[in-house]
């Protein structure tokens, strides 16, 4: 059985940003839906698809 070298990695020293809150995520979904309604190009459609994908991942209130 072949053995592998141990995985070593450094951790970033800069502080990390916190995760989004549920309220912030819901606001983001709203802004993406607004972008979809204002931008009639494929980019707007992609914003709408992203909004739908994110909305499915959010917990219900």
N, C-alpha and C. Protein backbone atom coordinates (compact mmCIF):
# COMPACT_ATOMS: atom_id res chain seq x y z
N UNK A 1 0.84 -1.17 0.00
CA UNK A 1 0.00 0.00 0.00
C UNK A 1 0.89 1.23 0.00
N UNK A 2 0.61 2.13 -0.90
CA UNK A 2 1.42 3.33 -1.04
C UNK A 2 0.99 4.38 -0.02
N UNK A 3 1.96 5.00 0.62
CA UNK A 3 1.63 6.05 1.58
C UNK A 3 1.86 7.41 0.92
N UNK A 4 1.12 8.37 1.36
CA UNK A 4 1.20 9.71 0.79
C UNK A 4 1.80 10.65 1.82
N UNK A 5 2.38 11.72 1.31
CA UNK A 5 2.92 12.75 2.19
C UNK A 5 1.76 13.43 2.92
N UNK A 6 1.97 13.84 4.15
CA UNK A 6 0.89 14.54 4.86
C UNK A 6 0.59 15.88 4.17
N UNK A 7 -0.66 16.24 4.23
CA UNK A 7 -1.09 17.51 3.64
C UNK A 7 -0.75 18.62 4.60
N UNK A 8 0.00 19.58 4.12
CA UNK A 8 0.33 20.74 4.95
C UNK A 8 -0.08 21.99 4.19
N UNK A 9 -0.65 22.90 4.90
CA UNK A 9 -1.07 24.15 4.28
C UNK A 9 -1.04 25.24 5.33
N UNK A 10 -0.84 26.43 4.86
CA UNK A 10 -0.89 27.56 5.77
C UNK A 10 -2.29 28.15 5.80
N UNK A 11 -2.59 28.82 6.86
CA UNK A 11 -3.88 29.48 6.97
C UNK A 11 -3.68 30.96 6.72
N UNK A 12 -4.63 31.61 6.05
CA UNK A 12 -4.46 33.03 5.78
C UNK A 12 -4.42 33.84 7.08
N UNK A 13 -3.57 34.82 7.12
CA UNK A 13 -3.45 35.63 8.33
C UNK A 13 -4.50 36.75 8.36
N UNK A 14 -5.01 37.13 7.19
CA UNK A 14 -6.01 38.19 7.15
C UNK A 14 -7.34 37.68 7.68
N UNK A 15 -8.08 38.54 8.38
CA UNK A 15 -9.39 38.09 8.87
C UNK A 15 -10.33 37.79 7.71
N UNK A 16 -11.18 36.80 7.89
CA UNK A 16 -12.12 36.41 6.86
C UNK A 16 -13.44 37.13 7.07
N UNK A 17 -14.11 37.39 5.97
CA UNK A 17 -15.41 38.04 6.07
C UNK A 17 -16.45 37.04 6.57
N UNK A 18 -17.42 37.50 7.35
CA UNK A 18 -18.45 36.58 7.83
C UNK A 18 -19.38 36.15 6.70
N UNK A 19 -20.07 35.04 6.91
CA UNK A 19 -21.05 34.58 5.95
C UNK A 19 -22.23 35.54 5.91
N UNK A 20 -22.98 35.50 4.83
CA UNK A 20 -24.18 36.32 4.74
C UNK A 20 -25.23 35.84 5.73
N UNK A 21 -25.99 36.78 6.25
CA UNK A 21 -27.13 36.40 7.06
C UNK A 21 -28.27 36.01 6.12
N UNK A 22 -29.29 35.37 6.65
CA UNK A 22 -30.44 35.00 5.83
C UNK A 22 -31.12 36.24 5.26
N UNK A 23 -31.20 37.30 6.05
CA UNK A 23 -31.82 38.54 5.58
C UNK A 23 -31.02 39.14 4.42
N UNK A 24 -29.71 39.13 4.53
CA UNK A 24 -28.87 39.65 3.44
C UNK A 24 -29.01 38.81 2.19
N UNK A 25 -29.11 37.50 2.36
CA UNK A 25 -29.27 36.61 1.20
C UNK A 25 -30.62 36.87 0.53
N UNK A 26 -31.67 37.08 1.32
CA UNK A 26 -32.98 37.38 0.73
C UNK A 26 -32.95 38.70 -0.02
N UNK A 27 -32.27 39.71 0.53
CA UNK A 27 -32.11 41.00 -0.17
C UNK A 27 -31.38 40.80 -1.49
N UNK A 28 -30.36 39.96 -1.48
CA UNK A 28 -29.59 39.68 -2.70
C UNK A 28 -30.47 39.03 -3.76
N UNK A 29 -31.31 38.09 -3.35
CA UNK A 29 -32.23 37.46 -4.29
C UNK A 29 -33.16 38.51 -4.89
N UNK A 30 -33.66 39.41 -4.06
CA UNK A 30 -34.53 40.48 -4.56
C UNK A 30 -33.83 41.36 -5.58
N UNK A 31 -32.58 41.72 -5.31
CA UNK A 31 -31.82 42.55 -6.25
C UNK A 31 -31.55 41.81 -7.55
N UNK A 32 -31.28 40.53 -7.47
CA UNK A 32 -31.06 39.75 -8.69
C UNK A 32 -32.33 39.66 -9.52
N UNK A 33 -33.48 39.52 -8.86
CA UNK A 33 -34.75 39.49 -9.59
C UNK A 33 -35.04 40.84 -10.24
N UNK A 34 -34.69 41.91 -9.54
CA UNK A 34 -34.84 43.25 -10.13
C UNK A 34 -33.94 43.40 -11.35
N UNK A 35 -32.72 42.94 -11.24
CA UNK A 35 -31.80 42.99 -12.38
C UNK A 35 -32.36 42.20 -13.55
N UNK A 36 -32.95 41.04 -13.27
CA UNK A 36 -33.53 40.24 -14.34
C UNK A 36 -34.63 41.00 -15.06
N UNK A 37 -35.45 41.73 -14.31
CA UNK A 37 -36.56 42.45 -14.94
C UNK A 37 -36.09 43.67 -15.72
N UNK A 38 -34.94 44.24 -15.35
CA UNK A 38 -34.44 45.44 -16.03
C UNK A 38 -33.51 45.13 -17.19
N UNK A 39 -32.85 44.01 -17.15
CA UNK A 39 -31.87 43.63 -18.18
C UNK A 39 -32.46 42.50 -19.01
N UNK A 40 -32.84 42.80 -20.23
CA UNK A 40 -33.49 41.81 -21.10
C UNK A 40 -32.51 41.00 -21.92
N UNK A 41 -31.23 41.08 -21.59
CA UNK A 41 -30.21 40.31 -22.29
C UNK A 41 -30.04 38.96 -21.58
N UNK A 42 -29.23 38.08 -22.15
CA UNK A 42 -28.95 36.81 -21.46
C UNK A 42 -28.35 37.01 -20.06
N UNK A 43 -27.68 38.12 -19.86
CA UNK A 43 -27.13 38.41 -18.53
C UNK A 43 -28.24 38.58 -17.50
N UNK A 44 -29.32 39.24 -17.88
CA UNK A 44 -30.46 39.38 -16.99
C UNK A 44 -31.12 38.04 -16.70
N UNK A 45 -31.23 37.22 -17.73
CA UNK A 45 -31.79 35.88 -17.53
C UNK A 45 -30.92 35.06 -16.59
N UNK A 46 -29.61 35.22 -16.69
CA UNK A 46 -28.70 34.50 -15.80
C UNK A 46 -28.87 34.99 -14.36
N UNK A 47 -29.12 36.28 -14.18
CA UNK A 47 -29.37 36.82 -12.84
C UNK A 47 -30.64 36.20 -12.26
N UNK A 48 -31.66 36.03 -13.09
CA UNK A 48 -32.90 35.41 -12.63
C UNK A 48 -32.70 33.95 -12.26
N UNK A 49 -31.90 33.25 -13.03
CA UNK A 49 -31.61 31.84 -12.73
C UNK A 49 -30.84 31.72 -11.42
N UNK A 50 -29.87 32.61 -11.24
CA UNK A 50 -29.10 32.61 -9.99
C UNK A 50 -30.01 32.92 -8.81
N UNK A 51 -30.92 33.88 -8.98
CA UNK A 51 -31.87 34.21 -7.91
C UNK A 51 -32.71 32.99 -7.55
N UNK A 52 -33.18 32.27 -8.55
CA UNK A 52 -34.00 31.08 -8.28
C UNK A 52 -33.18 30.01 -7.56
N UNK A 53 -31.94 29.81 -7.99
CA UNK A 53 -31.08 28.81 -7.35
C UNK A 53 -30.81 29.17 -5.89
N UNK A 54 -30.52 30.46 -5.64
CA UNK A 54 -30.26 30.89 -4.27
C UNK A 54 -31.51 30.81 -3.40
N UNK A 55 -32.64 31.19 -3.96
CA UNK A 55 -33.89 31.18 -3.19
C UNK A 55 -34.24 29.77 -2.73
N UNK A 56 -33.94 28.77 -3.54
CA UNK A 56 -34.22 27.39 -3.13
C UNK A 56 -33.35 26.94 -1.97
N UNK A 57 -32.21 27.58 -1.80
CA UNK A 57 -31.28 27.19 -0.73
C UNK A 57 -31.53 27.92 0.59
N UNK A 58 -32.38 28.94 0.54
CA UNK A 58 -32.65 29.72 1.75
C UNK A 58 -33.72 29.04 2.60
N UNK A 59 -33.56 29.11 3.91
CA UNK A 59 -34.61 28.55 4.77
C UNK A 59 -35.85 29.43 4.70
N UNK A 60 -37.01 28.83 4.88
CA UNK A 60 -38.23 29.63 4.89
C UNK A 60 -38.29 30.40 6.20
N UNK A 61 -38.95 31.52 6.16
CA UNK A 61 -38.98 32.39 7.36
C UNK A 61 -39.83 31.83 8.44
